[in-house]
Amino acid sequence: MLAQIYWRLGYEAGWVQQLMLNNNISWATYEDLLGFHCNAHPNNFVLLPPVSDEVNKVFILANNGKSEHPLATDSFLAPLDFDMAYYISDLDQSFPTKKEDWMNVEKNSLVLALAGDKSLNSGATGFAELDETYIMLKWALRYRMILTANSRIS
């Protein structure tokens, strides 16, 4: 069960990243006077609560049966932090020489962060120290998540 959860988290994280790239959207990868910034990291996702059948029925009734509740899916994750997002094509005018480099960083940052790279995020990392007994399990689960996320991002 735990391996399936890690697979699912990797799948959804990779799916979100690829969806954004397919739609020409950067999650905010850029360089400024403060250094390099990229929002493609795990703490820009939230876990979605399950939507009960009752809540979904009320939502459907309120919308005259036209749609289900937007969270009435099987998704575990929703992305956040789009305040600095931009269209990748805008880089052609502003930073034409940086476009390829920045998009390579964005494609790889999420996978690196899922792998445990603590340098990719200046915010809360949420890393916990594990007893040595669980190190192999930690890396096996993380590897499964990374492979799955990476398979979604082309």
C-alpha atoms as a PDB file:
ATOM      1  CA  MET A   1       0.000   0.000   0.000  1.00  0.00           C
ATOM      2  CA  LEU A   2       2.791   2.438   0.893  1.00  0.00           C
ATOM      3  CA  ALA A   3       4.548   1.799  -2.428  1.00  0.00           C
ATOM      4  CA  GLN A   4       1.281   2.501  -4.261  1.00  0.00           C
ATOM      5  CA  ILE A   5       0.908   5.843  -2.457  1.00  0.00           C
ATOM      6  CA  TYR A   6       4.441   6.877  -3.427  1.00  0.00           C
ATOM      7  CA  TRP A   7       3.789   5.814  -7.014  1.00  0.00           C
ATOM      8  CA  ARG A   8       0.588   7.871  -7.055  1.00  0.00           C
ATOM      9  CA  LEU A   9       2.252  10.971  -5.585  1.00  0.00           C
ATOM     10  CA  GLY A  10       5.034  10.742  -8.172  1.00  0.00           C
ATOM     11  CA  TYR A  11       2.512  10.215 -10.962  1.00  0.00           C
ATOM     12  CA  GLU A  12       0.404  13.213 -10.002  1.00  0.00           C
ATOM     13  CA  ALA A  13       3.369  15.520  -9.362  1.00  0.00           C
ATOM     14  CA  GLY A  14       4.857  14.599 -12.742  1.00  0.00           C
ATOM     15  CA  TRP A  15       1.466  14.972 -14.420  1.00  0.00           C
ATOM     16  CA  VAL A  16       1.064  18.514 -13.074  1.00  0.00           C
ATOM     17  CA  GLN A  17       4.575  19.459 -14.188  1.00  0.00           C
ATOM     18  CA  GLN A  18       4.018  18.070 -17.692  1.00  0.00           C
ATOM     19  CA  LEU A  19       0.571  19.691 -17.944  1.00  0.00           C
ATOM     20  CA  MET A  20       2.123  23.073 -17.231  1.00  0.00           C
ATOM     21  CA  LEU A  21       4.961  22.575 -19.703  1.00  0.00           C
ATOM     22  CA  ASN A  22       2.551  21.320 -22.378  1.00  0.00           C
ATOM     23  CA  ASN A  23       0.557  24.518 -21.914  1.00  0.00           C
ATOM     24  CA  ASN A  24       3.614  26.774 -22.139  1.00  0.00           C
ATOM     25  CA  ILE A  25       3.505  27.712 -18.434  1.00  0.00           C
ATOM     26  CA  SER A  26       6.510  28.053 -16.176  1.00  0.00           C
ATOM     27  CA  TRP A  27       5.910  27.568 -12.477  1.00  0.00           C
ATOM     28  CA  ALA A  28       8.231  30.537 -11.862  1.00  0.00           C
ATOM     29  CA  THR A  29      11.769  29.637 -12.808  1.00  0.00           C
ATOM     30  CA  TYR A  30      13.935  32.716 -13.081  1.00  0.00           C
ATOM     31  CA  GLU A  31      17.081  34.415 -11.908  1.00  0.00           C
ATOM     32  CA  ASP A  32      17.138  37.798 -10.189  1.00  0.00           C
ATOM     33  CA  LEU A  33      19.323  39.785  -7.797  1.00  0.00           C
ATOM     34  CA  LEU A  34      18.434  37.393  -4.975  1.00  0.00           C
ATOM     35  CA  GLY A  35      19.568  34.340  -6.916  1.00  0.00           C
ATOM     36  CA  PHE A  36      17.878  31.516  -8.777  1.00  0.00           C
ATOM     37  CA  HIS A  37      14.235  30.655  -8.104  1.00  0.00           C
ATOM     38  CA  CYS A  38      12.051  27.720  -9.159  1.00  0.00           C
ATOM     39  CA  ASN A  39       8.627  26.840  -7.760  1.00  0.00           C
ATOM     40  CA  ALA A  40       8.685  23.251  -9.040  1.00  0.00           C
ATOM     41  CA  HIS A  41       9.105  21.567  -5.663  1.00  0.00           C
ATOM     42  CA  PRO A  42       6.915  19.368  -3.452  1.00  0.00           C
ATOM     43  CA  ASN A  43       5.871  21.975  -0.907  1.00  0.00           C
ATOM     44  CA  ASN A  44       3.939  23.687  -3.683  1.00  0.00           C
ATOM     45  CA  PHE A  45       1.429  20.857  -3.599  1.00  0.00           C
ATOM     46  CA  VAL A  46      -1.331  20.213  -1.081  1.00  0.00           C
ATOM     47  CA  LEU A  47      -3.030  16.948  -0.272  1.00  0.00           C
ATOM     48  CA  LEU A  48      -6.670  17.032  -1.257  1.00  0.00           C
ATOM     49  CA  PRO A  49      -9.301  15.810   1.170  1.00  0.00           C
ATOM     50  CA  PRO A  50     -11.710  13.213  -0.147  1.00  0.00           C
ATOM     51  CA  VAL A  51     -15.055  14.643  -1.260  1.00  0.00           C
ATOM     52  CA  SER A  52     -17.870  12.623   0.222  1.00  0.00           C
ATOM     53  CA  ASP A  53     -20.757  11.419  -1.927  1.00  0.00           C
ATOM     54  CA  GLU A  54     -23.083  13.657   0.113  1.00  0.00           C
ATOM     55  CA  VAL A  55     -21.046  16.791  -0.551  1.00  0.00           C
ATOM     56  CA  ASN A  56     -20.884  15.907  -4.235  1.00  0.00           C
ATOM     57  CA  LYS A  57     -24.670  15.377  -4.417  1.00  0.00           C
ATOM     58  CA  VAL A  58     -25.309  18.801  -2.848  1.00  0.00           C
ATOM     59  CA  PHE A  59     -22.865  20.420  -5.283  1.00  0.00           C
ATOM     60  CA  ILE A  60     -24.540  18.719  -8.261  1.00  0.00           C
ATOM     61  CA  LEU A  61     -27.986  19.857  -7.091  1.00  0.00           C
ATOM     62  CA  ALA A  62     -26.743  23.428  -6.577  1.00  0.00           C
ATOM     63  CA  ASN A  63     -25.417  23.445 -10.156  1.00  0.00           C
ATOM     64  CA  ASN A  64     -28.615  22.036 -11.695  1.00  0.00           C
ATOM     65  CA  GLY A  65     -26.871  18.753 -12.370  1.00  0.00           C
ATOM     66  CA  LYS A  66     -24.375  20.356 -14.744  1.00  0.00           C
ATOM     67  CA  SER A  67     -21.183  19.324 -13.012  1.00  0.00           C
ATOM     68  CA  GLU A  68     -19.672  17.434 -10.156  1.00  0.00           C
ATOM     69  CA  HIS A  69     -17.749  19.062  -7.345  1.00  0.00           C
ATOM     70  CA  PRO A  70     -14.361  20.132  -8.768  1.00  0.00           C
ATOM     71  CA  LEU A  71     -12.587  18.005  -6.166  1.00  0.00           C
ATOM     72  CA  ALA A  72     -14.747  14.943  -6.812  1.00  0.00           C
ATOM     73  CA  THR A  73     -11.827  13.173  -8.391  1.00  0.00           C
ATOM     74  CA  ASP A  74      -9.402  10.556  -7.281  1.00  0.00           C
ATOM     75  CA  SER A  75      -6.568  13.093  -7.178  1.00  0.00           C
ATOM     76  CA  PHE A  76      -4.340  13.263  -4.120  1.00  0.00           C
ATOM     77  CA  LEU A  77      -2.549  16.502  -5.039  1.00  0.00           C
ATOM     78  CA  ALA A  78      -3.302  20.044  -6.131  1.00  0.00           C
ATOM     79  CA  PRO A  79      -0.585  22.533  -7.136  1.00  0.00           C
ATOM     80  CA  LEU A  80      -0.110  25.945  -5.482  1.00  0.00           C
ATOM     81  CA  ASP A  81       1.928  29.127  -5.758  1.00  0.00           C
ATOM     82  CA  PHE A  82       1.289  30.515  -9.215  1.00  0.00           C
ATOM     83  CA  ASP A  83       1.821  34.180  -8.344  1.00  0.00           C
ATOM     84  CA  MET A  84       5.105  34.310 -10.258  1.00  0.00           C
ATOM     85  CA  ALA A  85       4.158  31.858 -13.032  1.00  0.00           C
ATOM     86  CA  TYR A  86       4.517  33.035 -16.615  1.00  0.00           C
ATOM     87  CA  TYR A  87       4.163  31.892 -20.208  1.00  0.00           C
ATOM     88  CA  ILE A  88       7.377  30.292 -21.384  1.00  0.00           C
ATOM     89  CA  SER A  89       7.034  31.972 -24.781  1.00  0.00           C
ATOM     90  CA  ASP A  90       7.417  35.351 -23.028  1.00  0.00           C
ATOM     91  CA  LEU A  91      11.071  34.442 -22.406  1.00  0.00           C
ATOM     92  CA  ASP A  92      11.721  34.757 -26.138  1.00  0.00           C
ATOM     93  CA  GLN A  93      11.338  38.524 -25.826  1.00  0.00           C
ATOM     94  CA  SER A  94      12.746  39.114 -22.355  1.00  0.00           C
ATOM     95  CA  PHE A  95      15.447  36.464 -21.864  1.00  0.00           C
ATOM     96  CA  PRO A  96      15.985  34.574 -25.129  1.00  0.00           C
ATOM     97  CA  THR A  97      19.375  33.200 -24.082  1.00  0.00           C
ATOM     98  CA  LYS A  98      18.038  31.890 -20.752  1.00  0.00           C
ATOM     99  CA  LYS A  99      14.935  30.075 -21.996  1.00  0.00           C
ATOM    100  CA  GLU A 100      16.443  26.644 -22.646  1.00  0.00           C
ATOM    101  CA  ASP A 101      18.497  26.648 -19.434  1.00  0.00           C
ATOM    102  CA  TRP A 102      15.604  27.774 -17.256  1.00  0.00           C
ATOM    103  CA  MET A 103      13.206  25.222 -18.710  1.00  0.00           C
ATOM    104  CA  ASN A 104      15.749  22.433 -18.171  1.00  0.00           C
ATOM    105  CA  VAL A 105      16.032  23.551 -14.548  1.00  0.00           C
ATOM    106  CA  GLU A 106      12.254  23.518 -14.211  1.00  0.00           C
ATOM    107  CA  LYS A 107      11.926  20.052 -15.765  1.00  0.00           C
ATOM    108  CA  ASN A 108      14.541  18.627 -13.404  1.00  0.00           C
ATOM    109  CA  SER A 109      13.869  20.544 -10.183  1.00  0.00           C
ATOM    110  CA  LEU A 110      10.713  18.711  -9.208  1.00  0.00           C
ATOM    111  CA  VAL A 111      12.363  15.309  -9.587  1.00  0.00           C
ATOM    112  CA  LEU A 112      15.472  16.463  -7.727  1.00  0.00           C
ATOM    113  CA  ALA A 113      13.339  17.840  -4.896  1.00  0.00           C
ATOM    114  CA  LEU A 114      11.363  14.587  -4.718  1.00  0.00           C
ATOM    115  CA  ALA A 115      14.738  12.857  -4.472  1.00  0.00           C
ATOM    116  CA  GLY A 116      15.528  14.913  -1.390  1.00  0.00           C
ATOM    117  CA  ASP A 117      17.646  17.773  -2.697  1.00  0.00           C
ATOM    118  CA  LYS A 118      17.247  20.346   0.079  1.00  0.00           C
ATOM    119  CA  SER A 119      18.882  23.186  -1.853  1.00  0.00           C
ATOM    120  CA  LEU A 120      16.022  23.626  -4.326  1.00  0.00           C
ATOM    121  CA  ASN A 121      13.648  25.311  -1.917  1.00  0.00           C
ATOM    122  CA  SER A 122      14.331  28.213   0.373  1.00  0.00           C
ATOM    123  CA  GLY A 123      11.046  27.672   2.220  1.00  0.00           C
ATOM    124  CA  ALA A 124       9.953  24.892   4.550  1.00  0.00           C
ATOM    125  CA  THR A 125      11.447  21.563   3.589  1.00  0.00           C
ATOM    126  CA  GLY A 126       9.708  19.252   6.025  1.00  0.00           C
ATOM    127  CA  PHE A 127      12.562  16.756   6.174  1.00  0.00           C
ATOM    128  CA  ALA A 128      12.513  14.368   9.096  1.00  0.00           C
ATOM    129  CA  GLU A 129      15.412  12.317  10.325  1.00  0.00           C
ATOM    130  CA  LEU A 130      14.761   8.595  10.090  1.00  0.00           C
ATOM    131  CA  ASP A 131      16.126   5.777  12.148  1.00  0.00           C
ATOM    132  CA  GLU A 132      18.790   3.843  10.221  1.00  0.00           C
ATOM    133  CA  THR A 133      16.416   0.862  10.149  1.00  0.00           C
ATOM    134  CA  TYR A 134      14.201   2.638   7.615  1.00  0.00           C
ATOM    135  CA  ILE A 135      16.820   4.142   5.291  1.00  0.00           C
ATOM    136  CA  MET A 136      16.516   1.416   2.636  1.00  0.00           C
ATOM    137  CA  LEU A 137      12.719   1.658   2.715  1.00  0.00           C
ATOM    138  CA  LYS A 138      12.921   5.456   2.424  1.00  0.00           C
ATOM    139  CA  TRP A 139      15.126   5.269  -0.662  1.00  0.00           C
ATOM    140  CA  ALA A 140      13.133   2.456  -2.270  1.00  0.00           C
ATOM    141  CA  LEU A 141       9.892   4.411  -1.896  1.00  0.00           C
ATOM    142  CA  ARG A 142      11.494   7.668  -2.988  1.00  0.00           C
ATOM    143  CA  TYR A 143      13.042   5.933  -6.016  1.00  0.00           C
ATOM    144  CA  ARG A 144       9.619   4.634  -7.028  1.00  0.00           C
ATOM    145  CA  MET A 145       8.161   8.134  -6.736  1.00  0.00           C
ATOM    146  CA  ILE A 146      11.028   9.693  -8.710  1.00  0.00           C
ATOM    147  CA  LEU A 147      10.849   7.160 -11.533  1.00  0.00           C
ATOM    148  CA  THR A 148       7.116   7.658 -11.838  1.00  0.00           C
ATOM    149  CA  ALA A 149       7.317  11.459 -11.801  1.00  0.00           C
ATOM    150  CA  ASN A 150      10.174  11.430 -14.292  1.00  0.00           C
ATOM    151  CA  SER A 151       8.241   9.148 -16.644  1.00  0.00           C
ATOM    152  CA  ARG A 152       5.475  11.784 -16.798  1.00  0.00           C
ATOM    153  CA  ILE A 153       7.819  14.681 -17.604  1.00  0.00           C
ATOM    154  CA  SER A 154       9.248  14.623 -21.119  1.00  0.00           C
END
